[in-house]
Amino acid sequence: MELVADLSTGGVVLRNRDDLERFSVQALLAPDDEPRGDGDLGALAAALSVHDAGTVDPTGHVSIPVAVVRRMAGDEAVSEGGSVGPEWESAFAAMLEQAASQGWITDDGSIRAHIEWVSA
């Protein structure tokens, strides 16, 4: 599953909600653009803030509250004509347990993720 932030529009969506084997944050850059450091982190932080979807920490990782992932997974399910059911919740809980065992859950229970910089 990927939390995708389009830095050119400020949009934030969750994609592949049913892929619970991995979790990442993708920051979409303009075509042929390279990450520029603090400016891109600032644009990512702003997009996440506007959508109440998480925060960027000083180390360049993103913290996403679990409730945000559930909300956005539900939004994606509705747009596909479905819903998030008990099977998804069970698989999501297993993903969170695995993430915690690897140190990817913060003290406040948020998911900590690295940023993948992607040219759009």
Foldseek 3Di string as FASTA:
>chain_A
DEFEAELVVLETADPPLVPLPDYAYEYEDAAPDDDPPPVSLVSNQSSCVVVVAFHADPVQKTWGAPVSSQVRSQVVQVVVVHGQDPVSVVSNVVSLVVQVVVVQADPVGTGIHHYHYHYD
